[in-house]
PDB file of all heavy atoms in Angstrom:
ATOM      1  N   ALA A   1      16.465   5.095   7.648  1.00  0.00           N
ATOM      2  CA  ALA A   1      17.726   5.830   7.847  1.00  0.00           C
ATOM      3  C   ALA A   1      18.913   4.874   7.841  1.00  0.00           C
ATOM      4  O   ALA A   1      19.953   5.162   7.235  1.00  0.00           O
ATOM      5  CB  ALA A   1      17.675   6.617   9.152  1.00  0.00           C
ATOM      6  N   ARG A   2      18.781   3.716   8.490  1.00  0.00           N
ATOM      7  CA  ARG A   2      19.871   2.748   8.530  1.00  0.00           C
ATOM      8  C   ARG A   2      20.201   2.233   7.129  1.00  0.00           C
ATOM      9  O   ARG A   2      21.369   2.167   6.735  1.00  0.00           O
ATOM     10  CB  ARG A   2      19.521   1.563   9.439  1.00  0.00           C
ATOM     11  CG  ARG A   2      20.648   0.531   9.552  1.00  0.00           C
ATOM     12  CD  ARG A   2      20.236  -0.697  10.351  1.00  0.00           C
ATOM     13  NE  ARG A   2      19.323  -1.564   9.629  1.00  0.00           N
ATOM     14  CZ  ARG A   2      19.707  -2.469   8.700  1.00  0.00           C
ATOM     15  NH1 ARG A   2      20.980  -2.600   8.370  1.00  0.00           N
ATOM     16  NH2 ARG A   2      18.803  -3.222   8.093  1.00  0.00           N
ATOM     17  N   LEU A   3      19.170   1.889   6.372  1.00  0.00           N
ATOM     18  CA  LEU A   3      19.400   1.369   5.025  1.00  0.00           C
ATOM     19  C   LEU A   3      20.002   2.429   4.105  1.00  0.00           C
ATOM     20  O   LEU A   3      20.807   2.115   3.227  1.00  0.00           O
ATOM     21  CB  LEU A   3      18.115   0.811   4.428  1.00  0.00           C
ATOM     22  CG  LEU A   3      17.567  -0.453   5.092  1.00  0.00           C
ATOM     23  CD1 LEU A   3      16.290  -0.916   4.399  1.00  0.00           C
ATOM     24  CD2 LEU A   3      18.589  -1.568   5.110  1.00  0.00           C
ATOM     25  N   THR A   4      19.642   3.683   4.327  1.00  0.00           N
ATOM     26  CA  THR A   4      20.226   4.775   3.550  1.00  0.00           C
ATOM     27  C   THR A   4      21.689   4.956   3.928  1.00  0.00           C
ATOM     28  O   THR A   4      22.565   5.043   3.055  1.00  0.00           O
ATOM     29  CB  THR A   4      19.444   6.086   3.778  1.00  0.00           C
ATOM     30  OG1 THR A   4      18.067   5.857   3.487  1.00  0.00           O
ATOM     31  CG2 THR A   4      19.979   7.206   2.907  1.00  0.00           C
ATOM     32  N   GLU A   5      21.959   4.976   5.220  1.00  0.00           N
ATOM     33  CA  GLU A   5      23.328   5.143   5.708  1.00  0.00           C
ATOM     34  C   GLU A   5      24.235   4.017   5.222  1.00  0.00           C
ATOM     35  O   GLU A   5      25.382   4.243   4.845  1.00  0.00           O
ATOM     36  CB  GLU A   5      23.323   5.191   7.237  1.00  0.00           C
ATOM     37  CG  GLU A   5      24.687   5.407   7.856  1.00  0.00           C
ATOM     38  CD  GLU A   5      24.609   5.439   9.372  1.00  0.00           C
ATOM     39  OE1 GLU A   5      23.772   6.204   9.900  1.00  0.00           O
ATOM     40  OE2 GLU A   5      25.384   4.699  10.009  1.00  0.00           O
ATOM     41  N   GLU A   6      23.715   2.807   5.202  1.00  0.00           N
ATOM     42  CA  GLU A   6      24.508   1.648   4.772  1.00  0.00           C
ATOM     43  C   GLU A   6      24.449   1.435   3.256  1.00  0.00           C
ATOM     44  O   GLU A   6      24.954   0.437   2.752  1.00  0.00           O
ATOM     45  CB  GLU A   6      24.055   0.398   5.528  1.00  0.00           C
ATOM     46  CG  GLU A   6      24.352   0.501   7.014  1.00  0.00           C
ATOM     47  CD  GLU A   6      23.923  -0.713   7.816  1.00  0.00           C
ATOM     48  OE1 GLU A   6      23.573  -1.757   7.218  1.00  0.00           O
ATOM     49  OE2 GLU A   6      23.943  -0.605   9.053  1.00  0.00           O
ATOM     50  N   GLN A   7      23.816   2.366   2.547  1.00  0.00           N
ATOM     51  CA  GLN A   7      23.756   2.420   1.081  1.00  0.00           C
ATOM     52  C   GLN A   7      23.031   1.239   0.430  1.00  0.00           C
ATOM     53  O   GLN A   7      23.339   0.847  -0.682  1.00  0.00           O
ATOM     54  CB  GLN A   7      25.155   2.611   0.498  1.00  0.00           C
ATOM     55  CG  GLN A   7      25.783   3.901   0.962  1.00  0.00           C
ATOM     56  CD  GLN A   7      27.155   4.143   0.375  1.00  0.00           C
ATOM     57  OE1 GLN A   7      27.792   3.254  -0.172  1.00  0.00           O
ATOM     58  NE2 GLN A   7      27.607   5.375   0.489  1.00  0.00           N
ATOM     59  N   TYR A   8      22.039   0.694   1.141  1.00  0.00           N
ATOM     60  CA  TYR A   8      21.155  -0.288   0.521  1.00  0.00           C
ATOM     61  C   TYR A   8      20.137   0.427  -0.363  1.00  0.00           C
ATOM     62  O   TYR A   8      19.676  -0.116  -1.357  1.00  0.00           O
ATOM     63  CB  TYR A   8      20.417  -1.115   1.579  1.00  0.00           C
ATOM     64  CG  TYR A   8      21.288  -2.122   2.272  1.00  0.00           C
ATOM     65  CD1 TYR A   8      21.847  -1.851   3.514  1.00  0.00           C
ATOM     66  CD2 TYR A   8      21.566  -3.352   1.677  1.00  0.00           C
ATOM     67  CE1 TYR A   8      22.649  -2.778   4.149  1.00  0.00           C
ATOM     68  CE2 TYR A   8      22.367  -4.289   2.307  1.00  0.00           C
ATOM     69  CZ  TYR A   8      22.910  -3.992   3.548  1.00  0.00           C
ATOM     70  OH  TYR A   8      23.711  -4.918   4.175  1.00  0.00           O
ATOM     71  N   ILE A   9      19.761   1.636   0.057  1.00  0.00           N
ATOM     72  CA  ILE A   9      18.875   2.483  -0.738  1.00  0.00           C
ATOM     73  C   ILE A   9      19.475   3.886  -0.772  1.00  0.00           C
ATOM     74  O   ILE A   9      20.222   4.280   0.133  1.00  0.00           O
ATOM     75  CB  ILE A   9      17.421   2.522  -0.178  1.00  0.00           C
ATOM     76  CG1 ILE A   9      17.385   3.052   1.256  1.00  0.00           C
ATOM     77  CG2 ILE A   9      16.763   1.155  -0.281  1.00  0.00           C
ATOM     78  CD1 ILE A   9      15.967   3.240   1.816  1.00  0.00           C
ATOM     79  N   SER A  10      19.142   4.628  -1.825  1.00  0.00           N
ATOM     80  CA  SER A  10      19.651   6.000  -1.958  1.00  0.00           C
ATOM     81  C   SER A  10      18.787   6.965  -1.145  1.00  0.00           C
ATOM     82  O   SER A  10      17.673   6.618  -0.722  1.00  0.00           O
ATOM     83  CB  SER A  10      19.640   6.406  -3.425  1.00  0.00           C
ATOM     84  OG  SER A  10      18.306   6.565  -3.872  1.00  0.00           O
ATOM     85  N   LYS A  11      19.276   8.172  -1.003  1.00  0.00           N
ATOM     86  CA  LYS A  11      18.508   9.207  -0.308  1.00  0.00           C
ATOM     87  C   LYS A  11      17.208   9.479  -1.070  1.00  0.00           C
ATOM     88  O   LYS A  11      16.143   9.615  -0.464  1.00  0.00           O
ATOM     89  CB  LYS A  11      19.351  10.483  -0.199  1.00  0.00           C
ATOM     90  CG  LYS A  11      18.610  11.695   0.315  1.00  0.00           C
ATOM     91  CD  LYS A  11      18.729  11.838   1.802  1.00  0.00           C
ATOM     92  CE  LYS A  11      18.250  13.182   2.313  1.00  0.00           C
ATOM     93  NZ  LYS A  11      16.801  13.337   2.348  1.00  0.00           N
ATOM     94  N   ALA A  12      17.282   9.529  -2.390  1.00  0.00           N
ATOM     95  CA  ALA A  12      16.073   9.763  -3.194  1.00  0.00           C
ATOM     96  C   ALA A  12      15.066   8.632  -3.001  1.00  0.00           C
ATOM     97  O   ALA A  12      13.860   8.872  -2.892  1.00  0.00           O
ATOM     98  CB  ALA A  12      16.436   9.909  -4.672  1.00  0.00           C
ATOM     99  N   GLN A  13      15.562   7.394  -2.940  1.00  0.00           N
ATOM    100  CA  GLN A  13      14.662   6.267  -2.692  1.00  0.00           C
ATOM    101  C   GLN A  13      14.036   6.395  -1.307  1.00  0.00           C
ATOM    102  O   GLN A  13      12.833   6.207  -1.140  1.00  0.00           O
ATOM    103  CB  GLN A  13      15.415   4.942  -2.804  1.00  0.00           C
ATOM    104  CG  GLN A  13      15.733   4.521  -4.216  1.00  0.00           C
ATOM    105  CD  GLN A  13      16.473   3.202  -4.243  1.00  0.00           C
ATOM    106  OE1 GLN A  13      17.486   3.025  -3.557  1.00  0.00           O
ATOM    107  NE2 GLN A  13      15.960   2.267  -5.024  1.00  0.00           N
ATOM    108  N   ALA A  14      14.861   6.692  -0.313  1.00  0.00           N
ATOM    109  CA  ALA A  14      14.359   6.826   1.057  1.00  0.00           C
ATOM    110  C   ALA A  14      13.267   7.892   1.134  1.00  0.00           C
ATOM    111  O   ALA A  14      12.228   7.683   1.765  1.00  0.00           O
ATOM    112  CB  ALA A  14      15.505   7.168   2.005  1.00  0.00           C
ATOM    113  N   ASP A  15      13.501   9.012   0.477  1.00  0.00           N
ATOM    114  CA  ASP A  15      12.526  10.104   0.512  1.00  0.00           C
ATOM    115  C   ASP A  15      11.217   9.731  -0.173  1.00  0.00           C
ATOM    116  O   ASP A  15      10.165  10.279   0.152  1.00  0.00           O
ATOM    117  CB  ASP A  15      13.108  11.356  -0.158  1.00  0.00           C
ATOM    118  CG  ASP A  15      14.244  11.973   0.653  1.00  0.00           C
ATOM    119  OD1 ASP A  15      14.403  11.626   1.850  1.00  0.00           O
ATOM    120  OD2 ASP A  15      14.990  12.788   0.070  1.00  0.00           O
ATOM    121  N   SER A  16      11.276   8.793  -1.119  1.00  0.00           N
ATOM    122  CA  SER A  16      10.075   8.434  -1.886  1.00  0.00           C
ATOM    123  C   SER A  16       9.171   7.419  -1.180  1.00  0.00           C
ATOM    124  O   SER A  16       8.034   7.221  -1.594  1.00  0.00           O
ATOM    125  CB  SER A  16      10.477   7.876  -3.256  1.00  0.00           C
ATOM    126  OG  SER A  16      10.925   6.538  -3.150  1.00  0.00           O
ATOM    127  N   ILE A  17       9.679   6.773  -0.146  1.00  0.00           N
ATOM    128  CA  ILE A  17       8.903   5.721   0.521  1.00  0.00           C
ATOM    129  C   ILE A  17       7.775   6.336   1.346  1.00  0.00           C
ATOM    130  O   ILE A  17       8.011   7.201   2.194  1.00  0.00           O
ATOM    131  CB  ILE A  17       9.818   4.831   1.394  1.00  0.00           C
ATOM    132  CG1 ILE A  17      10.807   4.080   0.494  1.00  0.00           C
ATOM    133  CG2 ILE A  17       8.998   3.856   2.237  1.00  0.00           C
ATOM    134  CD1 ILE A  17      11.886   3.309   1.255  1.00  0.00           C
ATOM    135  N   ASP A  18       6.583   5.878   1.107  1.00  0.00           N
ATOM    136  CA  ASP A  18       5.394   6.350   1.813  1.00  0.00           C
ATOM    137  C   ASP A  18       5.400   5.771   3.228  1.00  0.00           C
ATOM    138  O   ASP A  18       5.161   4.576   3.427  1.00  0.00           O
ATOM    139  CB  ASP A  18       4.143   5.911   1.042  1.00  0.00           C
ATOM    140  CG  ASP A  18       2.841   6.381   1.674  1.00  0.00           C
ATOM    141  OD1 ASP A  18       2.775   6.552   2.913  1.00  0.00           O
ATOM    142  OD2 ASP A  18       1.865   6.548   0.916  1.00  0.00           O
ATOM    143  N   ARG A  19       5.691   6.621   4.193  1.00  0.00           N
ATOM    144  CA  ARG A  19       5.808   6.175   5.595  1.00  0.00           C
ATOM    145  C   ARG A  19       4.508   5.623   6.140  1.00  0.00           C
ATOM    146  O   ARG A  19       4.512   4.653   6.892  1.00  0.00           O
ATOM    147  CB  ARG A  19       6.277   7.327   6.478  1.00  0.00           C
ATOM    148  CG  ARG A  19       7.744   7.643   6.590  1.00  0.00           C
ATOM    149  CD  ARG A  19       8.554   7.492   5.378  1.00  0.00           C
ATOM    150  NE  ARG A  19       9.934   7.939   5.636  1.00  0.00           N
ATOM    151  CZ  ARG A  19      10.776   8.242   4.698  1.00  0.00           C
ATOM    152  NH1 ARG A  19      10.428   8.155   3.431  1.00  0.00           N
ATOM    153  NH2 ARG A  19      12.000   8.622   4.992  1.00  0.00           N
ATOM    154  N   ASP A  20       3.382   6.245   5.791  1.00  0.00           N
ATOM    155  CA  ASP A  20       2.092   5.769   6.286  1.00  0.00           C
ATOM    156  C   ASP A  20       1.783   4.377   5.747  1.00  0.00           C
ATOM    157  O   ASP A  20       1.320   3.498   6.485  1.00  0.00           O
ATOM    158  CB  ASP A  20       0.971   6.737   5.917  1.00  0.00           C
ATOM    159  CG  ASP A  20       1.077   8.069   6.650  1.00  0.00           C
ATOM    160  OD1 ASP A  20       1.711   8.103   7.732  1.00  0.00           O
ATOM    161  OD2 ASP A  20       0.545   9.067   6.139  1.00  0.00           O
ATOM    162  N   ALA A  21       2.056   4.165   4.456  1.00  0.00           N
ATOM    163  CA  ALA A  21       1.812   2.855   3.848  1.00  0.00           C
ATOM    164  C   ALA A  21       2.723   1.801   4.472  1.00  0.00           C
ATOM    165  O   ALA A  21       2.294   0.668   4.717  1.00  0.00           O
ATOM    166  CB  ALA A  21       2.031   2.922   2.337  1.00  0.00           C
ATOM    167  N   LEU A  22       3.955   2.178   4.740  1.00  0.00           N
ATOM    168  CA  LEU A  22       4.903   1.248   5.356  1.00  0.00           C
ATOM    169  C   LEU A  22       4.457   0.894   6.776  1.00  0.00           C
ATOM    170  O   LEU A  22       4.474  -0.278   7.167  1.00  0.00           O
ATOM    171  CB  LEU A  22       6.302   1.879   5.361  1.00  0.00           C
ATOM    172  CG  LEU A  22       7.471   0.952   5.529  1.00  0.00           C
ATOM    173  CD1 LEU A  22       7.524  -0.101   4.442  1.00  0.00           C
ATOM    174  CD2 LEU A  22       8.760   1.767   5.530  1.00  0.00           C
ATOM    175  N   SER A  23       4.046   1.886   7.530  1.00  0.00           N
ATOM    176  CA  SER A  23       3.562   1.633   8.896  1.00  0.00           C
ATOM    177  C   SER A  23       2.343   0.727   8.883  1.00  0.00           C
ATOM    178  O   SER A  23       2.221  -0.180   9.715  1.00  0.00           O
ATOM    179  CB  SER A  23       3.232   2.952   9.602  1.00  0.00           C
ATOM    180  OG  SER A  23       4.412   3.684   9.816  1.00  0.00           O
ATOM    181  N   ALA A  24       1.433   0.959   7.932  1.00  0.00           N
ATOM    182  CA  ALA A  24       0.245   0.110   7.825  1.00  0.00           C
ATOM    183  C   ALA A  24       0.657  -1.327   7.529  1.00  0.00           C
ATOM    184  O   ALA A  24       0.089  -2.275   8.085  1.00  0.00           O
ATOM    185  CB  ALA A  24      -0.691   0.640   6.739  1.00  0.00           C
ATOM    186  N   PHE A  25       1.643  -1.503   6.653  1.00  0.00           N
ATOM    187  CA  PHE A  25       2.105  -2.856   6.340  1.00  0.00           C
ATOM    188  C   PHE A  25       2.591  -3.550   7.612  1.00  0.00           C
ATOM    189  O   PHE A  25       2.239  -4.702   7.867  1.00  0.00           O
ATOM    190  CB  PHE A  25       3.231  -2.852   5.300  1.00  0.00           C
ATOM    191  CG  PHE A  25       3.860  -4.209   5.154  1.00  0.00           C
ATOM    192  CD1 PHE A  25       3.212  -5.210   4.436  1.00  0.00           C
ATOM    193  CD2 PHE A  25       5.064  -4.512   5.772  1.00  0.00           C
ATOM    194  CE1 PHE A  25       3.761  -6.485   4.330  1.00  0.00           C
ATOM    195  CE2 PHE A  25       5.617  -5.776   5.669  1.00  0.00           C
ATOM    196  CZ  PHE A  25       4.970  -6.768   4.951  1.00  0.00           C
ATOM    197  N   PHE A  26       3.393  -2.882   8.408  1.00  0.00           N
ATOM    198  CA  PHE A  26       3.964  -3.535   9.587  1.00  0.00           C
ATOM    199  C   PHE A  26       2.948  -3.771  10.704  1.00  0.00           C
ATOM    200  O   PHE A  26       3.244  -4.473  11.663  1.00  0.00           O
ATOM    201  CB  PHE A  26       5.216  -2.792  10.073  1.00  0.00           C
ATOM    202  CG  PHE A  26       6.398  -3.102   9.195  1.00  0.00           C
ATOM    203  CD1 PHE A  26       6.849  -2.190   8.267  1.00  0.00           C
ATOM    204  CD2 PHE A  26       7.013  -4.340   9.256  1.00  0.00           C
ATOM    205  CE1 PHE A  26       7.923  -2.497   7.431  1.00  0.00           C
ATOM    206  CE2 PHE A  26       8.080  -4.659   8.433  1.00  0.00           C
ATOM    207  CZ  PHE A  26       8.529  -3.732   7.511  1.00  0.00           C
ATOM    208  N   ARG A  27       1.734  -3.247  10.533  1.00  0.00           N
ATOM    209  CA  ARG A  27       0.634  -3.579  11.440  1.00  0.00           C
ATOM    210  C   ARG A  27      -0.252  -4.676  10.865  1.00  0.00           C
ATOM    211  O   ARG A  27      -1.219  -5.093  11.489  1.00  0.00           O
ATOM    212  CB  ARG A  27      -0.218  -2.338  11.726  1.00  0.00           C
ATOM    213  CG  ARG A  27       0.467  -1.279  12.575  1.00  0.00           C
ATOM    214  CD  ARG A  27      -0.490  -0.173  12.997  1.00  0.00           C
ATOM    215  NE  ARG A  27      -1.208   0.447  11.889  1.00  0.00           N
ATOM    216  CZ  ARG A  27      -0.790   1.498  11.188  1.00  0.00           C
ATOM    217  NH1 ARG A  27       0.367   2.067  11.477  1.00  0.00           N
ATOM    218  NH2 ARG A  27      -1.526   2.004  10.204  1.00  0.00           N
ATOM    219  N   SER A  28       0.064  -5.144   9.671  1.00  0.00           N
ATOM    220  CA  SER A  28      -0.796  -6.102   8.967  1.00  0.00           C
ATOM    221  C   SER A  28      -0.522  -7.541   9.365  1.00  0.00           C
ATOM    222  O   SER A  28       0.533  -7.873   9.915  1.00  0.00           O
ATOM    223  CB  SER A  28      -0.606  -5.955   7.450  1.00  0.00           C
ATOM    224  OG  SER A  28       0.631  -6.533   7.048  1.00  0.00           O
ATOM    225  N   GLU A  29      -1.488  -8.390   9.027  1.00  0.00           N
ATOM    226  CA  GLU A  29      -1.333  -9.827   9.249  1.00  0.00           C
ATOM    227  C   GLU A  29      -0.193 -10.387   8.394  1.00  0.00           C
ATOM    228  O   GLU A  29       0.517 -11.296   8.819  1.00  0.00           O
ATOM    229  CB  GLU A  29      -2.641 -10.546   8.918  1.00  0.00           C
ATOM    230  CG  GLU A  29      -2.575 -12.034   9.188  1.00  0.00           C
ATOM    231  CD  GLU A  29      -3.850 -12.757   8.811  1.00  0.00           C
ATOM    232  OE1 GLU A  29      -4.938 -12.171   8.904  1.00  0.00           O
ATOM    233  OE2 GLU A  29      -3.732 -13.939   8.417  1.00  0.00           O
ATOM    234  N   ALA A  30       0.004  -9.833   7.193  1.00  0.00           N
ATOM    235  CA  ALA A  30       1.091 -10.300   6.320  1.00  0.00           C
ATOM    236  C   ALA A  30       2.448 -10.105   7.010  1.00  0.00           C
ATOM    237  O   ALA A  30       3.289 -11.008   7.008  1.00  0.00           O
ATOM    238  CB  ALA A  30       1.064  -9.573   4.982  1.00  0.00           C
ATOM    239  N   ALA A  31       2.650  -8.937   7.606  1.00  0.00           N
ATOM    240  CA  ALA A  31       3.917  -8.669   8.302  1.00  0.00           C
ATOM    241  C   ALA A  31       4.067  -9.581   9.517  1.00  0.00           C
ATOM    242  O   ALA A  31       5.157 -10.126   9.757  1.00  0.00           O
ATOM    243  CB  ALA A  31       3.986  -7.205   8.727  1.00  0.00           C
ATOM    244  N   GLU A  32       2.989  -9.761  10.262  1.00  0.00           N
ATOM    245  CA  GLU A  32       3.041 -10.663  11.425  1.00  0.00           C
ATOM    246  C   GLU A  32       3.406 -12.074  10.989  1.00  0.00           C
ATOM    247  O   GLU A  32       4.203 -12.752  11.633  1.00  0.00           O
ATOM    248  CB  GLU A  32       1.695 -10.669  12.156  1.00  0.00           C
ATOM    249  CG  GLU A  32       1.399  -9.387  12.897  1.00  0.00           C
ATOM    250  CD  GLU A  32       0.005  -9.400  13.508  1.00  0.00           C
ATOM    251  OE1 GLU A  32      -0.559 -10.499  13.749  1.00  0.00           O
ATOM    252  OE2 GLU A  32      -0.523  -8.296  13.749  1.00  0.00           O
ATOM    253  N   ARG A  33       2.824 -12.494   9.895  1.00  0.00           N
ATOM    254  CA  ARG A  33       3.096 -13.838   9.381  1.00  0.00           C
ATOM    255  C   ARG A  33       4.559 -13.964   8.949  1.00  0.00           C
ATOM    256  O   ARG A  33       5.191 -14.987   9.173  1.00  0.00           O
ATOM    257  CB  ARG A  33       2.155 -14.119   8.206  1.00  0.00           C
ATOM    258  CG  ARG A  33       2.027 -15.561   7.878  1.00  0.00           C
ATOM    259  CD  ARG A  33       0.864 -15.800   6.949  1.00  0.00           C
ATOM    260  NE  ARG A  33       0.634 -17.217   6.830  1.00  0.00           N
ATOM    261  CZ  ARG A  33      -0.370 -17.759   6.201  1.00  0.00           C
ATOM    262  NH1 ARG A  33      -1.267 -16.993   5.617  1.00  0.00           N
ATOM    263  NH2 ARG A  33      -0.494 -19.057   6.138  1.00  0.00           N
ATOM    264  N   MET A  34       5.092 -12.924   8.317  1.00  0.00           N
ATOM    265  CA  MET A  34       6.497 -12.925   7.910  1.00  0.00           C
ATOM    266  C   MET A  34       7.412 -13.045   9.132  1.00  0.00           C
ATOM    267  O   MET A  34       8.387 -13.792   9.114  1.00  0.00           O
ATOM    268  CB  MET A  34       6.834 -11.652   7.121  1.00  0.00           C
ATOM    269  CG  MET A  34       6.228 -11.625   5.738  1.00  0.00           C
ATOM    270  SD  MET A  34       6.358 -10.013   4.917  1.00  0.00           S
ATOM    271  CE  MET A  34       8.128  -9.917   4.604  1.00  0.00           C
ATOM    272  N   LEU A  35       7.064 -12.328  10.181  1.00  0.00           N
ATOM    273  CA  LEU A  35       7.894 -12.338  11.392  1.00  0.00           C
ATOM    274  C   LEU A  35       7.884 -13.682  12.111  1.00  0.00           C
ATOM    275  O   LEU A  35       8.872 -14.070  12.714  1.00  0.00           O
ATOM    276  CB  LEU A  35       7.448 -11.228  12.347  1.00  0.00           C
ATOM    277  CG  LEU A  35       7.927  -9.832  11.963  1.00  0.00           C
ATOM    278  CD1 LEU A  35       7.138  -8.775  12.710  1.00  0.00           C
ATOM    279  CD2 LEU A  35       9.424  -9.687  12.223  1.00  0.00           C
ATOM    280  N   ARG A  36       6.774 -14.384  12.048  1.00  0.00           N
ATOM    281  CA  ARG A  36       6.702 -15.648  12.785  1.00  0.00           C
ATOM    282  C   ARG A  36       7.012 -16.882  11.928  1.00  0.00           C
ATOM    283  O   ARG A  36       7.071 -18.000  12.447  1.00  0.00           O
ATOM    284  CB  ARG A  36       5.377 -15.783  13.516  1.00  0.00           C
ATOM    285  CG  ARG A  36       4.171 -15.991  12.681  1.00  0.00           C
ATOM    286  CD  ARG A  36       2.907 -16.235  13.529  1.00  0.00           C
ATOM    287  NE  ARG A  36       1.799 -16.516  12.666  1.00  0.00           N
ATOM    288  CZ  ARG A  36       0.899 -15.641  12.267  1.00  0.00           C
ATOM    289  NH1 ARG A  36       0.959 -14.402  12.700  1.00  0.00           N
ATOM    290  NH2 ARG A  36      -0.074 -15.992  11.446  1.00  0.00           N
ATOM    291  N   ALA A  37       7.205 -16.698  10.636  1.00  0.00           N
ATOM    292  CA  ALA A  37       7.486 -17.839   9.751  1.00  0.00           C
ATOM    293  C   ALA A  37       8.838 -18.470  10.109  1.00  0.00           C
ATOM    294  O   ALA A  37       9.798 -17.754  10.402  1.00  0.00           O
ATOM    295  CB  ALA A  37       7.502 -17.391   8.297  1.00  0.00           C
TER     296      ALA A  37
END
């Protein structure tokens, strides 16, 4: 919602993002590694 409001992504782009896949990513080791790098 923030990125849509600030026009980094369009409403159509926002609607197309798979929320479940995104949530899974942020629970992954890759995301943890990105956060602590």
